[in-house]
């Protein structure tokens, strides 16, 4: 394997890893969809998201 192929392999691996990391961060930060039920001092509240 020559240097050029090794460089492309490393750059490709970094791009794939960065894409996966970015997607995971996006999934953690986005609002969940569905129904949210809160139990607080004012009783029970139900919100549709």
PDB file of N, CA and C in Angstrom:
ATOM      1  N   UNK A   1       0.859  -1.174   0.000  1.00  0.00           N
ATOM      2  CA  UNK A   1       0.000   0.000   0.000  1.00  0.00           C
ATOM      3  C   UNK A   1       0.903   1.234   0.000  1.00  0.00           C
ATOM      4  N   UNK A   2       0.666   2.128  -0.932  1.00  0.00           N
ATOM      5  CA  UNK A   2       1.522   3.306  -0.987  1.00  0.00           C
ATOM      6  C   UNK A   2       0.946   4.431  -0.131  1.00  0.00           C
ATOM      7  N   UNK A   3       1.693   5.526  -0.035  1.00  0.00           N
ATOM      8  CA  UNK A   3       1.327   6.636   0.855  1.00  0.00           C
ATOM      9  C   UNK A   3       0.011   7.287   0.469  1.00  0.00           C
ATOM     10  N   UNK A   4      -0.256   7.429  -0.821  1.00  0.00           N
ATOM     11  CA  UNK A   4      -1.485   8.093  -1.269  1.00  0.00           C
ATOM     12  C   UNK A   4      -2.717   7.297  -0.845  1.00  0.00           C
ATOM     13  N   UNK A   5      -2.658   5.989  -1.033  1.00  0.00           N
ATOM     14  CA  UNK A   5      -3.786   5.153  -0.626  1.00  0.00           C
ATOM     15  C   UNK A   5      -3.988   5.183   0.882  1.00  0.00           C
ATOM     16  N   UNK A   6      -2.902   5.189   1.634  1.00  0.00           N
ATOM     17  CA  UNK A   6      -2.988   5.243   3.087  1.00  0.00           C
ATOM     18  C   UNK A   6      -3.600   6.570   3.528  1.00  0.00           C
ATOM     19  N   UNK A   7      -3.224   7.660   2.876  1.00  0.00           N
ATOM     20  CA  UNK A   7      -3.771   8.978   3.207  1.00  0.00           C
ATOM     21  C   UNK A   7      -5.276   9.008   2.934  1.00  0.00           C
ATOM     22  N   UNK A   8      -5.713   8.472   1.790  1.00  0.00           N
ATOM     23  CA  UNK A   8      -7.140   8.439   1.479  1.00  0.00           C
ATOM     24  C   UNK A   8      -7.898   7.566   2.474  1.00  0.00           C
ATOM     25  N   UNK A   9      -7.302   6.482   2.901  1.00  0.00           N
ATOM     26  CA  UNK A   9      -7.926   5.603   3.878  1.00  0.00           C
ATOM     27  C   UNK A   9      -8.111   6.330   5.211  1.00  0.00           C
ATOM     28  N   UNK A  10      -7.101   7.041   5.662  1.00  0.00           N
ATOM     29  CA  UNK A  10      -7.184   7.773   6.927  1.00  0.00           C
ATOM     30  C   UNK A  10      -8.217   8.894   6.844  1.00  0.00           C
ATOM     31  N   UNK A  11      -8.188   9.655   5.755  1.00  0.00           N
ATOM     32  CA  UNK A  11      -9.151  10.751   5.582  1.00  0.00           C
ATOM     33  C   UNK A  11     -10.576  10.190   5.505  1.00  0.00           C
ATOM     34  N   UNK A  12     -10.774   9.108   4.800  1.00  0.00           N
ATOM     35  CA  UNK A  12     -12.092   8.490   4.715  1.00  0.00           C
ATOM     36  C   UNK A  12     -12.582   8.008   6.069  1.00  0.00           C
ATOM     37  N   UNK A  13     -11.703   7.394   6.846  1.00  0.00           N
ATOM     38  CA  UNK A  13     -12.078   6.923   8.176  1.00  0.00           C
ATOM     39  C   UNK A  13     -12.447   8.090   9.082  1.00  0.00           C
ATOM     40  N   UNK A  14     -11.717   9.196   8.983  1.00  0.00           N
ATOM     41  CA  UNK A  14     -12.043  10.374   9.782  1.00  0.00           C
ATOM     42  C   UNK A  14     -13.383  10.976   9.379  1.00  0.00           C
ATOM     43  N   UNK A  15     -13.663  11.002   8.092  1.00  0.00           N
ATOM     44  CA  UNK A  15     -14.954  11.529   7.630  1.00  0.00           C
ATOM     45  C   UNK A  15     -16.118  10.664   8.118  1.00  0.00           C
ATOM     46  N   UNK A  16     -15.964   9.363   8.030  1.00  0.00           N
ATOM     47  CA  UNK A  16     -17.018   8.459   8.489  1.00  0.00           C
ATOM     48  C   UNK A  16     -17.210   8.602   9.994  1.00  0.00           C
ATOM     49  N   UNK A  17     -16.127   8.626  10.734  1.00  0.00           N
ATOM     50  CA  UNK A  17     -16.214   8.772  12.189  1.00  0.00           C
ATOM     51  C   UNK A  17     -16.840  10.099  12.591  1.00  0.00           C
ATOM     52  N   UNK A  18     -16.465  11.175  11.919  1.00  0.00           N
ATOM     53  CA  UNK A  18     -17.045  12.482  12.211  1.00  0.00           C
ATOM     54  C   UNK A  18     -18.522  12.539  11.877  1.00  0.00           C
ATOM     55  N   UNK A  19     -18.912  11.907  10.800  1.00  0.00           N
ATOM     56  CA  UNK A  19     -20.326  11.874  10.427  1.00  0.00           C
ATOM     57  C   UNK A  19     -21.149  11.108  11.458  1.00  0.00           C
ATOM     58  N   UNK A  20     -20.651   9.991  11.909  1.00  0.00           N
ATOM     59  CA  UNK A  20     -21.360   9.196  12.910  1.00  0.00           C
ATOM     60  C   UNK A  20     -21.477   9.980  14.215  1.00  0.00           C
ATOM     61  N   UNK A  21     -20.408  10.627  14.633  1.00  0.00           N
ATOM     62  CA  UNK A  21     -20.427  11.420  15.857  1.00  0.00           C
ATOM     63  C   UNK A  21     -21.420  12.578  15.743  1.00  0.00           C
ATOM     64  N   UNK A  22     -21.425  13.265  14.616  1.00  0.00           N
ATOM     65  CA  UNK A  22     -22.351  14.373  14.404  1.00  0.00           C
ATOM     66  C   UNK A  22     -23.800  13.924  14.448  1.00  0.00           C
ATOM     67  N   UNK A  23     -24.100  12.782  13.870  1.00  0.00           N
ATOM     68  CA  UNK A  23     -25.465  12.256  13.887  1.00  0.00           C
ATOM     69  C   UNK A  23     -25.893  11.903  15.305  1.00  0.00           C
ATOM     70  N   UNK A  24     -24.997  11.322  16.089  1.00  0.00           N
ATOM     71  CA  UNK A  24     -25.330  10.972  17.465  1.00  0.00           C
ATOM     72  C   UNK A  24     -25.603  12.219  18.301  1.00  0.00           C
ATOM     73  N   UNK A  25     -24.801  13.264  18.113  1.00  0.00           N
ATOM     74  CA  UNK A  25     -25.021  14.520  18.837  1.00  0.00           C
ATOM     75  C   UNK A  25     -26.360  15.126  18.437  1.00  0.00           C
ATOM     76  N   UNK A  26     -26.682  15.084  17.155  1.00  0.00           N
ATOM     77  CA  UNK A  26     -27.956  15.602  16.668  1.00  0.00           C
ATOM     78  C   UNK A  26     -29.128  14.850  17.304  1.00  0.00           C
ATOM     79  N   UNK A  27     -29.047  13.532  17.368  1.00  0.00           N
ATOM     80  CA  UNK A  27     -30.121  12.728  17.938  1.00  0.00           C
ATOM     81  C   UNK A  27     -30.316  13.025  19.425  1.00  0.00           C
ATOM     82  N   UNK A  28     -29.236  13.283  20.148  1.00  0.00           N
ATOM     83  CA  UNK A  28     -29.340  13.570  21.575  1.00  0.00           C
ATOM     84  C   UNK A  28     -29.971  14.930  21.828  1.00  0.00           C
ATOM     85  N   UNK A  29     -29.739  15.900  20.967  1.00  0.00           N
ATOM     86  CA  UNK A  29     -30.201  17.267  21.197  1.00  0.00           C
ATOM     87  C   UNK A  29     -31.587  17.564  20.652  1.00  0.00           C
ATOM     88  N   UNK A  30     -32.106  16.772  19.754  1.00  0.00           N
ATOM     89  CA  UNK A  30     -33.411  17.084  19.186  1.00  0.00           C
ATOM     90  C   UNK A  30     -34.517  16.726  20.171  1.00  0.00           C
ATOM     91  N   UNK A  31     -35.616  17.447  20.068  1.00  0.00           N
ATOM     92  CA  UNK A  31     -36.756  17.242  20.949  1.00  0.00           C
ATOM     93  C   UNK A  31     -37.394  15.883  20.679  1.00  0.00           C
ATOM     94  N   UNK A  32     -37.719  15.162  21.725  1.00  0.00           N
ATOM     95  CA  UNK A  32     -38.412  13.893  21.512  1.00  0.00           C
ATOM     96  C   UNK A  32     -39.837  14.145  21.012  1.00  0.00           C
ATOM     97  N   UNK A  33     -40.337  13.240  20.201  1.00  0.00           N
ATOM     98  CA  UNK A  33     -41.686  13.357  19.684  1.00  0.00           C
ATOM     99  C   UNK A  33     -42.592  12.416  20.459  1.00  0.00           C
ATOM    100  N   UNK A  34     -43.839  12.792  20.563  1.00  0.00           N
ATOM    101  CA  UNK A  34     -44.798  11.958  21.262  1.00  0.00           C
ATOM    102  C   UNK A  34     -45.513  12.747  22.332  1.00  0.00           C
ATOM    103  N   UNK A  35     -45.789  12.097  23.454  1.00  0.00           N
ATOM    104  CA  UNK A  35     -46.538  12.697  24.553  1.00  0.00           C
ATOM    105  C   UNK A  35     -45.620  12.813  25.758  1.00  0.00           C
ATOM    106  N   UNK A  36     -45.693  13.976  26.423  1.00  0.00           N
ATOM    107  CA  UNK A  36     -44.912  14.194  27.632  1.00  0.00           C
ATOM    108  C   UNK A  36     -45.881  14.362  28.790  1.00  0.00           C
ATOM    109  N   UNK A  37     -45.706  13.581  29.852  1.00  0.00           N
ATOM    110  CA  UNK A  37     -46.569  13.640  31.028  1.00  0.00           C
ATOM    111  C   UNK A  37     -45.736  14.157  32.194  1.00  0.00           C
ATOM    112  N   UNK A  38     -46.214  15.251  32.810  1.00  0.00           N
ATOM    113  CA  UNK A  38     -45.513  15.849  33.937  1.00  0.00           C
ATOM    114  C   UNK A  38     -46.390  15.778  35.177  1.00  0.00           C
ATOM    115  N   UNK A  39     -45.797  15.400  36.299  1.00  0.00           N
ATOM    116  CA  UNK A  39     -46.496  15.382  37.580  1.00  0.00           C
ATOM    117  C   UNK A  39     -45.826  16.420  38.454  1.00  0.00           C
ATOM    118  N   UNK A  40     -46.558  17.485  38.763  1.00  0.00           N
ATOM    119  CA  UNK A  40     -45.984  18.575  39.534  1.00  0.00           C
ATOM    120  C   UNK A  40     -46.931  19.048  40.614  1.00  0.00           C
ATOM    121  N   UNK A  41     -46.608  20.187  41.236  1.00  0.00           N
ATOM    122  CA  UNK A  41     -47.451  20.704  42.322  1.00  0.00           C
ATOM    123  C   UNK A  41     -48.854  21.104  41.854  1.00  0.00           C
ATOM    124  N   UNK A  42     -49.015  21.391  40.563  1.00  0.00           N
ATOM    125  CA  UNK A  42     -50.334  21.757  40.039  1.00  0.00           C
ATOM    126  C   UNK A  42     -51.105  20.562  39.510  1.00  0.00           C
ATOM    127  N   UNK A  43     -50.610  19.382  39.718  1.00  0.00           N
ATOM    128  CA  UNK A  43     -51.283  18.186  39.243  1.00  0.00           C
ATOM    129  C   UNK A  43     -50.573  17.579  38.044  1.00  0.00           C
ATOM    130  N   UNK A  44     -51.337  16.871  37.227  1.00  0.00           N
ATOM    131  CA  UNK A  44     -50.786  16.163  36.083  1.00  0.00           C
ATOM    132  C   UNK A  44     -51.035  17.014  34.823  1.00  0.00           C
ATOM    133  N   UNK A  45     -50.003  17.180  34.015  1.00  0.00           N
ATOM    134  CA  UNK A  45     -50.154  17.859  32.736  1.00  0.00           C
ATOM    135  C   UNK A  45     -49.679  16.933  31.628  1.00  0.00           C
ATOM    136  N   UNK A  46     -50.395  16.974  30.524  1.00  0.00           N
ATOM    137  CA  UNK A  46     -50.046  16.141  29.367  1.00  0.00           C
ATOM    138  C   UNK A  46     -49.855  17.068  28.187  1.00  0.00           C
ATOM    139  N   UNK A  47     -48.693  16.962  27.549  1.00  0.00           N
ATOM    140  CA  UNK A  47     -48.373  17.786  26.373  1.00  0.00           C
ATOM    141  C   UNK A  47     -48.066  16.887  25.192  1.00  0.00           C
ATOM    142  N   UNK A  48     -48.634  17.220  24.047  1.00  0.00           N
ATOM    143  CA  UNK A  48     -48.306  16.499  22.826  1.00  0.00           C
ATOM    144  C   UNK A  48     -47.180  17.236  22.128  1.00  0.00           C
ATOM    145  N   UNK A  49     -46.131  16.535  21.791  1.00  0.00           N
ATOM    146  CA  UNK A  49     -44.962  17.154  21.137  1.00  0.00           C
ATOM    147  C   UNK A  49     -44.946  16.798  19.687  1.00  0.00           C
TER     148      UNK A  49
END
